[in-house]
PDB file of all heavy atoms in Angstrom:
ATOM      1  N   SER A   1       1.535 -12.346   4.897  1.00  0.00           N
ATOM      2  CA  SER A   1       2.769 -11.950   4.224  1.00  0.00           C
ATOM      3  C   SER A   1       2.705 -10.466   3.918  1.00  0.00           C
ATOM      4  O   SER A   1       1.896 -10.035   3.076  1.00  0.00           O
ATOM      5  CB  SER A   1       2.978 -12.728   2.921  1.00  0.00           C
ATOM      6  OG  SER A   1       4.094 -12.212   2.199  1.00  0.00           O
ATOM      7  N   ALA A   2       3.515  -9.689   4.618  1.00  0.00           N
ATOM      8  CA  ALA A   2       3.532  -8.247   4.389  1.00  0.00           C
ATOM      9  C   ALA A   2       4.103  -7.923   3.013  1.00  0.00           C
ATOM     10  O   ALA A   2       3.599  -7.041   2.311  1.00  0.00           O
ATOM     11  CB  ALA A   2       4.333  -7.556   5.485  1.00  0.00           C
ATOM     12  N   SER A   3       5.164  -8.617   2.619  1.00  0.00           N
ATOM     13  CA  SER A   3       5.824  -8.314   1.341  1.00  0.00           C
ATOM     14  C   SER A   3       4.898  -8.585   0.154  1.00  0.00           C
ATOM     15  O   SER A   3       4.957  -7.893  -0.861  1.00  0.00           O
ATOM     16  CB  SER A   3       7.111  -9.118   1.196  1.00  0.00           C
ATOM     17  OG  SER A   3       6.835 -10.509   1.225  1.00  0.00           O
ATOM     18  N   LYS A   4       4.030  -9.598   0.286  1.00  0.00           N
ATOM     19  CA  LYS A   4       3.081  -9.920  -0.784  1.00  0.00           C
ATOM     20  C   LYS A   4       1.728  -9.213  -0.589  1.00  0.00           C
ATOM     21  O   LYS A   4       0.814  -9.380  -1.392  1.00  0.00           O
ATOM     22  CB  LYS A   4       2.859 -11.427  -0.844  1.00  0.00           C
ATOM     23  CG  LYS A   4       4.116 -12.220  -1.211  1.00  0.00           C
ATOM     24  CD  LYS A   4       3.848 -13.717  -1.131  1.00  0.00           C
ATOM     25  CE  LYS A   4       5.129 -14.508  -1.425  1.00  0.00           C
ATOM     26  NZ  LYS A   4       4.921 -15.974  -1.242  1.00  0.00           N
ATOM     27  N   GLU A   5       1.605  -8.463   0.488  1.00  0.00           N
ATOM     28  CA  GLU A   5       0.350  -7.788   0.845  1.00  0.00           C
ATOM     29  C   GLU A   5      -0.801  -8.800   0.857  1.00  0.00           C
ATOM     30  O   GLU A   5      -1.877  -8.572   0.307  1.00  0.00           O
ATOM     31  CB  GLU A   5       0.069  -6.624  -0.106  1.00  0.00           C
ATOM     32  CG  GLU A   5       1.136  -5.535  -0.027  1.00  0.00           C
ATOM     33  CD  GLU A   5       0.868  -4.349  -0.926  1.00  0.00           C
ATOM     34  OE1 GLU A   5       0.131  -4.515  -1.915  1.00  0.00           O
ATOM     35  OE2 GLU A   5       1.394  -3.261  -0.645  1.00  0.00           O
ATOM     36  N   ASP A   6      -0.552  -9.904   1.533  1.00  0.00           N
ATOM     37  CA  ASP A   6      -1.492 -11.017   1.576  1.00  0.00           C
ATOM     38  C   ASP A   6      -1.906 -11.269   3.026  1.00  0.00           C
ATOM     39  O   ASP A   6      -1.089 -11.668   3.860  1.00  0.00           O
ATOM     40  CB  ASP A   6      -0.818 -12.267   0.990  1.00  0.00           C
ATOM     41  CG  ASP A   6      -1.782 -13.439   0.849  1.00  0.00           C
ATOM     42  OD1 ASP A   6      -3.006 -13.229   1.024  1.00  0.00           O
ATOM     43  OD2 ASP A   6      -1.311 -14.551   0.577  1.00  0.00           O
ATOM     44  N   PHE A   7      -3.173 -10.996   3.316  1.00  0.00           N
ATOM     45  CA  PHE A   7      -3.711 -11.157   4.673  1.00  0.00           C
ATOM     46  C   PHE A   7      -4.970 -12.019   4.581  1.00  0.00           C
ATOM     47  O   PHE A   7      -6.096 -11.515   4.589  1.00  0.00           O
ATOM     48  CB  PHE A   7      -4.007  -9.788   5.289  1.00  0.00           C
ATOM     49  CG  PHE A   7      -2.793  -8.910   5.403  1.00  0.00           C
ATOM     50  CD1 PHE A   7      -2.445  -8.028   4.373  1.00  0.00           C
ATOM     51  CD2 PHE A   7      -1.974  -8.976   6.521  1.00  0.00           C
ATOM     52  CE1 PHE A   7      -1.317  -7.234   4.479  1.00  0.00           C
ATOM     53  CE2 PHE A   7      -0.839  -8.183   6.625  1.00  0.00           C
ATOM     54  CZ  PHE A   7      -0.501  -7.307   5.596  1.00  0.00           C
ATOM     55  N   PRO A   8      -4.801 -13.334   4.477  1.00  0.00           N
ATOM     56  CA  PRO A   8      -5.928 -14.225   4.186  1.00  0.00           C
ATOM     57  C   PRO A   8      -6.994 -14.282   5.259  1.00  0.00           C
ATOM     58  O   PRO A   8      -8.129 -14.686   4.975  1.00  0.00           O
ATOM     59  CB  PRO A   8      -5.258 -15.592   4.001  1.00  0.00           C
ATOM     60  CG  PRO A   8      -3.911 -15.475   4.612  1.00  0.00           C
ATOM     61  CD  PRO A   8      -3.513 -14.048   4.501  1.00  0.00           C
ATOM     62  N   SER A   9      -6.678 -13.884   6.492  1.00  0.00           N
ATOM     63  CA  SER A   9      -7.708 -13.992   7.531  1.00  0.00           C
ATOM     64  C   SER A   9      -8.795 -12.937   7.371  1.00  0.00           C
ATOM     65  O   SER A   9      -9.855 -13.054   7.985  1.00  0.00           O
ATOM     66  CB  SER A   9      -7.083 -13.908   8.924  1.00  0.00           C
ATOM     67  OG  SER A   9      -6.628 -12.613   9.207  1.00  0.00           O
ATOM     68  N   VAL A  10      -8.564 -11.877   6.525  1.00  0.00           N
ATOM     69  CA  VAL A  10      -9.633 -10.885   6.323  1.00  0.00           C
ATOM     70  C   VAL A  10     -10.645 -11.346   5.264  1.00  0.00           C
ATOM     71  O   VAL A  10     -11.850 -11.403   5.595  1.00  0.00           O
ATOM     72  CB  VAL A  10      -9.025  -9.503   5.988  1.00  0.00           C
ATOM     73  CG1 VAL A  10     -10.147  -8.470   5.777  1.00  0.00           C
ATOM     74  CG2 VAL A  10      -8.083  -9.022   7.102  1.00  0.00           C
ATOM     75  N   PRO A  11     -10.307 -11.658   3.970  1.00  0.00           N
ATOM     76  CA  PRO A  11      -8.965 -11.543   3.382  1.00  0.00           C
ATOM     77  C   PRO A  11      -8.752 -10.216   2.652  1.00  0.00           C
ATOM     78  O   PRO A  11      -9.688  -9.650   2.096  1.00  0.00           O
ATOM     79  CB  PRO A  11      -8.971 -12.700   2.381  1.00  0.00           C
ATOM     80  CG  PRO A  11     -10.412 -12.787   1.936  1.00  0.00           C
ATOM     81  CD  PRO A  11     -11.253 -12.385   3.108  1.00  0.00           C
ATOM     82  N   TYR A  12      -7.478  -9.753   2.661  1.00  0.00           N
ATOM     83  CA  TYR A  12      -7.009  -8.671   1.808  1.00  0.00           C
ATOM     84  C   TYR A  12      -5.867  -9.208   0.952  1.00  0.00           C
ATOM     85  O   TYR A  12      -5.055 -10.016   1.430  1.00  0.00           O
ATOM     86  CB  TYR A  12      -6.466  -7.489   2.623  1.00  0.00           C
ATOM     87  CG  TYR A  12      -7.509  -6.629   3.315  1.00  0.00           C
ATOM     88  CD1 TYR A  12      -7.287  -6.161   4.613  1.00  0.00           C
ATOM     89  CD2 TYR A  12      -8.682  -6.238   2.671  1.00  0.00           C
ATOM     90  CE1 TYR A  12      -8.209  -5.350   5.254  1.00  0.00           C
ATOM     91  CE2 TYR A  12      -9.609  -5.433   3.311  1.00  0.00           C
ATOM     92  CZ  TYR A  12      -9.375  -4.990   4.596  1.00  0.00           C
ATOM     93  OH  TYR A  12     -10.288  -4.181   5.234  1.00  0.00           O
ATOM     94  N   SER A  13      -5.793  -8.721  -0.282  1.00  0.00           N
ATOM     95  CA  SER A  13      -4.686  -9.049  -1.180  1.00  0.00           C
ATOM     96  C   SER A  13      -4.036  -7.759  -1.655  1.00  0.00           C
ATOM     97  O   SER A  13      -4.474  -6.653  -1.296  1.00  0.00           O
ATOM     98  CB  SER A  13      -5.189  -9.855  -2.375  1.00  0.00           C
ATOM     99  OG  SER A  13      -5.888  -9.005  -3.283  1.00  0.00           O
ATOM    100  N   TYR A  14      -3.037  -7.888  -2.517  1.00  0.00           N
ATOM    101  CA  TYR A  14      -2.343  -6.710  -3.041  1.00  0.00           C
ATOM    102  C   TYR A  14      -3.290  -5.774  -3.791  1.00  0.00           C
ATOM    103  O   TYR A  14      -3.000  -4.577  -3.956  1.00  0.00           O
ATOM    104  CB  TYR A  14      -1.196  -7.144  -3.966  1.00  0.00           C
ATOM    105  CG  TYR A  14      -1.645  -7.724  -5.292  1.00  0.00           C
ATOM    106  CD1 TYR A  14      -1.735  -6.924  -6.428  1.00  0.00           C
ATOM    107  CD2 TYR A  14      -2.000  -9.057  -5.406  1.00  0.00           C
ATOM    108  CE1 TYR A  14      -2.160  -7.437  -7.642  1.00  0.00           C
ATOM    109  CE2 TYR A  14      -2.429  -9.593  -6.605  1.00  0.00           C
ATOM    110  CZ  TYR A  14      -2.506  -8.775  -7.724  1.00  0.00           C
ATOM    111  OH  TYR A  14      -2.929  -9.287  -8.921  1.00  0.00           O
ATOM    112  N   LEU A  15      -4.447  -6.283  -4.217  1.00  0.00           N
ATOM    113  CA  LEU A  15      -5.415  -5.451  -4.935  1.00  0.00           C
ATOM    114  C   LEU A  15      -6.126  -4.460  -4.014  1.00  0.00           C
ATOM    115  O   LEU A  15      -6.799  -3.547  -4.487  1.00  0.00           O
ATOM    116  CB  LEU A  15      -6.467  -6.347  -5.599  1.00  0.00           C
ATOM    117  CG  LEU A  15      -5.944  -7.314  -6.667  1.00  0.00           C
ATOM    118  CD1 LEU A  15      -7.042  -8.269  -7.093  1.00  0.00           C
ATOM    119  CD2 LEU A  15      -5.397  -6.535  -7.863  1.00  0.00           C
ATOM    120  N   ASP A  16      -5.970  -4.631  -2.702  1.00  0.00           N
ATOM    121  CA  ASP A  16      -6.733  -3.845  -1.729  1.00  0.00           C
ATOM    122  C   ASP A  16      -5.921  -2.723  -1.087  1.00  0.00           C
ATOM    123  O   ASP A  16      -6.358  -2.134  -0.085  1.00  0.00           O
ATOM    124  CB  ASP A  16      -7.296  -4.772  -0.650  1.00  0.00           C
ATOM    125  CG  ASP A  16      -8.216  -5.830  -1.238  1.00  0.00           C
ATOM    126  OD1 ASP A  16      -9.065  -5.465  -2.074  1.00  0.00           O
ATOM    127  OD2 ASP A  16      -8.062  -7.015  -0.879  1.00  0.00           O
ATOM    128  N   PHE A  17      -4.771  -2.407  -1.672  1.00  0.00           N
ATOM    129  CA  PHE A  17      -3.898  -1.380  -1.106  1.00  0.00           C
ATOM    130  C   PHE A  17      -3.667  -0.246  -2.106  1.00  0.00           C
ATOM    131  O   PHE A  17      -3.910  -0.398  -3.309  1.00  0.00           O
ATOM    132  CB  PHE A  17      -2.572  -2.007  -0.654  1.00  0.00           C
ATOM    133  CG  PHE A  17      -2.747  -2.959   0.492  1.00  0.00           C
ATOM    134  CD1 PHE A  17      -3.048  -4.302   0.271  1.00  0.00           C
ATOM    135  CD2 PHE A  17      -2.672  -2.508   1.801  1.00  0.00           C
ATOM    136  CE1 PHE A  17      -3.242  -5.182   1.323  1.00  0.00           C
ATOM    137  CE2 PHE A  17      -2.868  -3.383   2.869  1.00  0.00           C
ATOM    138  CZ  PHE A  17      -3.155  -4.714   2.629  1.00  0.00           C
ATOM    139  N   ASN A  18      -3.178   0.882  -1.595  1.00  0.00           N
ATOM    140  CA  ASN A  18      -3.080   2.116  -2.373  1.00  0.00           C
ATOM    141  C   ASN A  18      -1.779   2.276  -3.153  1.00  0.00           C
ATOM    142  O   ASN A  18      -1.413   3.386  -3.503  1.00  0.00           O
ATOM    143  CB  ASN A  18      -3.232   3.335  -1.436  1.00  0.00           C
ATOM    144  CG  ASN A  18      -4.682   3.786  -1.318  1.00  0.00           C
ATOM    145  OD1 ASN A  18      -5.470   3.597  -2.230  1.00  0.00           O
ATOM    146  ND2 ASN A  18      -5.015   4.382  -0.192  1.00  0.00           N
ATOM    147  N   ASP A  19      -1.093   1.187  -3.450  1.00  0.00           N
ATOM    148  CA  ASP A  19       0.227   1.302  -4.089  1.00  0.00           C
ATOM    149  C   ASP A  19       0.185   2.111  -5.381  1.00  0.00           C
ATOM    150  O   ASP A  19       1.080   2.908  -5.654  1.00  0.00           O
ATOM    151  CB  ASP A  19       0.782  -0.098  -4.376  1.00  0.00           C
ATOM    152  CG  ASP A  19       0.862  -0.936  -3.108  1.00  0.00           C
ATOM    153  OD1 ASP A  19       1.094  -0.355  -2.038  1.00  0.00           O
ATOM    154  OD2 ASP A  19       0.669  -2.161  -3.186  1.00  0.00           O
ATOM    155  N   ASN A  20      -0.827   1.918  -6.198  1.00  0.00           N
ATOM    156  CA  ASN A  20      -0.886   2.604  -7.487  1.00  0.00           C
ATOM    157  C   ASN A  20      -1.399   4.032  -7.360  1.00  0.00           C
ATOM    158  O   ASN A  20      -1.158   4.861  -8.247  1.00  0.00           O
ATOM    159  CB  ASN A  20      -1.770   1.823  -8.460  1.00  0.00           C
ATOM    160  CG  ASN A  20      -1.185   0.466  -8.802  1.00  0.00           C
ATOM    161  OD1 ASN A  20       0.028   0.325  -8.886  1.00  0.00           O
ATOM    162  ND2 ASN A  20      -2.046  -0.526  -8.972  1.00  0.00           N
ATOM    163  N   LYS A  21      -2.086   4.311  -6.283  1.00  0.00           N
ATOM    164  CA  LYS A  21      -2.666   5.647  -6.105  1.00  0.00           C
ATOM    165  C   LYS A  21      -1.636   6.644  -5.585  1.00  0.00           C
ATOM    166  O   LYS A  21      -1.685   7.828  -5.898  1.00  0.00           O
ATOM    167  CB  LYS A  21      -3.855   5.559  -5.143  1.00  0.00           C
ATOM    168  CG  LYS A  21      -4.771   6.765  -5.188  1.00  0.00           C
ATOM    169  CD  LYS A  21      -6.004   6.536  -4.314  1.00  0.00           C
ATOM    170  CE  LYS A  21      -6.946   7.716  -4.411  1.00  0.00           C
ATOM    171  NZ  LYS A  21      -8.101   7.565  -3.492  1.00  0.00           N
ATOM    172  N   CYS A  22      -0.698   6.168  -4.768  1.00  0.00           N
ATOM    173  CA  CYS A  22       0.325   7.049  -4.204  1.00  0.00           C
ATOM    174  C   CYS A  22       1.311   7.465  -5.292  1.00  0.00           C
ATOM    175  O   CYS A  22       1.783   6.628  -6.069  1.00  0.00           O
ATOM    176  CB  CYS A  22       1.070   6.338  -3.080  1.00  0.00           C
ATOM    177  SG  CYS A  22       2.418   7.321  -2.384  1.00  0.00           S
ATOM    178  N   LYS A  23       1.642   8.752  -5.353  1.00  0.00           N
ATOM    179  CA  LYS A  23       2.488   9.277  -6.421  1.00  0.00           C
ATOM    180  C   LYS A  23       3.914   9.596  -5.975  1.00  0.00           C
ATOM    181  O   LYS A  23       4.669  10.228  -6.714  1.00  0.00           O
ATOM    182  CB  LYS A  23       1.858  10.559  -7.000  1.00  0.00           C
ATOM    183  CG  LYS A  23       0.426  10.378  -7.497  1.00  0.00           C
ATOM    184  CD  LYS A  23       0.296   9.287  -8.546  1.00  0.00           C
ATOM    185  CE  LYS A  23      -1.136   9.169  -9.050  1.00  0.00           C
ATOM    186  NZ  LYS A  23      -1.314   8.027  -9.967  1.00  0.00           N
ATOM    187  N   THR A  24       4.312   9.174  -4.766  1.00  0.00           N
ATOM    188  CA  THR A  24       5.684   9.450  -4.340  1.00  0.00           C
ATOM    189  C   THR A  24       6.628   8.367  -4.848  1.00  0.00           C
ATOM    190  O   THR A  24       6.189   7.275  -5.225  1.00  0.00           O
ATOM    191  CB  THR A  24       5.788   9.554  -2.809  1.00  0.00           C
ATOM    192  OG1 THR A  24       5.447   8.284  -2.215  1.00  0.00           O
ATOM    193  CG2 THR A  24       4.860  10.622  -2.256  1.00  0.00           C
ATOM    194  N   SER A  25       7.922   8.647  -4.812  1.00  0.00           N
ATOM    195  CA  SER A  25       8.914   7.737  -5.390  1.00  0.00           C
ATOM    196  C   SER A  25       9.013   6.406  -4.655  1.00  0.00           C
ATOM    197  O   SER A  25       9.327   5.382  -5.257  1.00  0.00           O
ATOM    198  CB  SER A  25      10.288   8.419  -5.421  1.00  0.00           C
ATOM    199  OG  SER A  25      10.683   8.786  -4.100  1.00  0.00           O
ATOM    200  N   ASN A  26       8.727   6.416  -3.348  1.00  0.00           N
ATOM    201  CA  ASN A  26       8.884   5.185  -2.563  1.00  0.00           C
ATOM    202  C   ASN A  26       7.593   4.703  -1.913  1.00  0.00           C
ATOM    203  O   ASN A  26       7.620   3.782  -1.096  1.00  0.00           O
ATOM    204  CB  ASN A  26       9.958   5.385  -1.487  1.00  0.00           C
ATOM    205  CG  ASN A  26       9.593   6.481  -0.497  1.00  0.00           C
ATOM    206  OD1 ASN A  26       8.580   7.161  -0.658  1.00  0.00           O
ATOM    207  ND2 ASN A  26      10.431   6.667   0.520  1.00  0.00           N
ATOM    208  N   GLY A  27       6.479   5.328  -2.264  1.00  0.00           N
ATOM    209  CA  GLY A  27       5.198   4.918  -1.692  1.00  0.00           C
ATOM    210  C   GLY A  27       4.920   5.443  -0.311  1.00  0.00           C
ATOM    211  O   GLY A  27       3.878   5.152   0.274  1.00  0.00           O
ATOM    212  N   GLU A  28       5.860   6.228   0.234  1.00  0.00           N
ATOM    213  CA  GLU A  28       5.721   6.782   1.585  1.00  0.00           C
ATOM    214  C   GLU A  28       5.240   8.228   1.518  1.00  0.00           C
ATOM    215  O   GLU A  28       5.439   8.927   0.512  1.00  0.00           O
ATOM    216  CB  GLU A  28       7.078   6.756   2.304  1.00  0.00           C
ATOM    217  CG  GLU A  28       7.672   5.377   2.486  1.00  0.00           C
ATOM    218  CD  GLU A  28       7.062   4.634   3.648  1.00  0.00           C
ATOM    219  OE1 GLU A  28       6.730   5.278   4.660  1.00  0.00           O
ATOM    220  OE2 GLU A  28       6.921   3.412   3.546  1.00  0.00           O
ATOM    221  N   ILE A  29       4.629   8.698   2.623  1.00  0.00           N
ATOM    222  CA  ILE A  29       4.328  10.130   2.736  1.00  0.00           C
ATOM    223  C   ILE A  29       5.642  10.881   2.828  1.00  0.00           C
ATOM    224  O   ILE A  29       6.451  10.630   3.722  1.00  0.00           O
ATOM    225  CB  ILE A  29       3.469  10.421   3.985  1.00  0.00           C
ATOM    226  CG1 ILE A  29       2.157   9.648   3.932  1.00  0.00           C
ATOM    227  CG2 ILE A  29       3.216  11.927   4.111  1.00  0.00           C
ATOM    228  CD1 ILE A  29       1.362   9.700   5.223  1.00  0.00           C
ATOM    229  N   GLN A  30       5.885  11.800   1.909  1.00  0.00           N
ATOM    230  CA  GLN A  30       7.109  12.592   1.909  1.00  0.00           C
ATOM    231  C   GLN A  30       6.846  14.055   2.247  1.00  0.00           C
ATOM    232  O   GLN A  30       7.746  14.760   2.707  1.00  0.00           O
ATOM    233  CB  GLN A  30       7.798  12.489   0.537  1.00  0.00           C
ATOM    234  CG  GLN A  30       8.260  11.084   0.189  1.00  0.00           C
ATOM    235  CD  GLN A  30       8.823  10.968  -1.221  1.00  0.00           C
ATOM    236  OE1 GLN A  30       8.744  11.911  -2.022  1.00  0.00           O
ATOM    237  NE2 GLN A  30       9.394   9.819  -1.539  1.00  0.00           N
ATOM    238  N   ASP A  31       5.615  14.498   2.011  1.00  0.00           N
ATOM    239  CA  ASP A  31       5.267  15.901   2.238  1.00  0.00           C
ATOM    240  C   ASP A  31       3.910  15.967   2.933  1.00  0.00           C
ATOM    241  O   ASP A  31       2.873  15.733   2.309  1.00  0.00           O
ATOM    242  CB  ASP A  31       5.230  16.643   0.896  1.00  0.00           C
ATOM    243  CG  ASP A  31       4.882  18.121   1.047  1.00  0.00           C
ATOM    244  OD1 ASP A  31       4.748  18.588   2.204  1.00  0.00           O
ATOM    245  OD2 ASP A  31       4.727  18.794   0.009  1.00  0.00           O
ATOM    246  N   TYR A  32       3.928  16.311   4.231  1.00  0.00           N
ATOM    247  CA  TYR A  32       2.678  16.368   4.987  1.00  0.00           C
ATOM    248  C   TYR A  32       1.839  17.591   4.640  1.00  0.00           C
ATOM    249  O   TYR A  32       0.713  17.730   5.130  1.00  0.00           O
ATOM    250  CB  TYR A  32       2.966  16.315   6.489  1.00  0.00           C
ATOM    251  CG  TYR A  32       3.160  14.898   6.984  1.00  0.00           C
ATOM    252  CD1 TYR A  32       4.388  14.257   6.877  1.00  0.00           C
ATOM    253  CD2 TYR A  32       2.092  14.194   7.528  1.00  0.00           C
ATOM    254  CE1 TYR A  32       4.556  12.951   7.311  1.00  0.00           C
ATOM    255  CE2 TYR A  32       2.245  12.884   7.967  1.00  0.00           C
ATOM    256  CZ  TYR A  32       3.480  12.272   7.853  1.00  0.00           C
ATOM    257  OH  TYR A  32       3.641  10.973   8.268  1.00  0.00           O
ATOM    258  N   ASN A  33       2.347  18.463   3.793  1.00  0.00           N
ATOM    259  CA  ASN A  33       1.553  19.587   3.299  1.00  0.00           C
ATOM    260  C   ASN A  33       0.796  19.235   2.023  1.00  0.00           C
ATOM    261  O   ASN A  33       0.103  20.075   1.456  1.00  0.00           O
ATOM    262  CB  ASN A  33       2.448  20.804   3.052  1.00  0.00           C
ATOM    263  CG  ASN A  33       2.969  21.394   4.343  1.00  0.00           C
ATOM    264  OD1 ASN A  33       2.200  21.589   5.286  1.00  0.00           O
ATOM    265  ND2 ASN A  33       4.263  21.659   4.403  1.00  0.00           N
ATOM    266  N   ASP A  34       0.932  17.988   1.580  1.00  0.00           N
ATOM    267  CA  ASP A  34       0.221  17.498   0.405  1.00  0.00           C
ATOM    268  C   ASP A  34      -0.846  16.517   0.884  1.00  0.00           C
ATOM    269  O   ASP A  34      -0.546  15.389   1.280  1.00  0.00           O
ATOM    270  CB  ASP A  34       1.215  16.797  -0.539  1.00  0.00           C
ATOM    271  CG  ASP A  34       0.562  16.287  -1.816  1.00  0.00           C
ATOM    272  OD1 ASP A  34      -0.660  16.035  -1.811  1.00  0.00           O
ATOM    273  OD2 ASP A  34       1.287  16.123  -2.825  1.00  0.00           O
TER     274      ASP A  34
END
């Protein structure tokens, strides 16, 4: 489940992604000079 960030065959969960570390408004790279 991509929306839940759930990949049980590894397994990875939502705890294994950089959502909280990214400081942009939408979680996407907005400035490649940063």
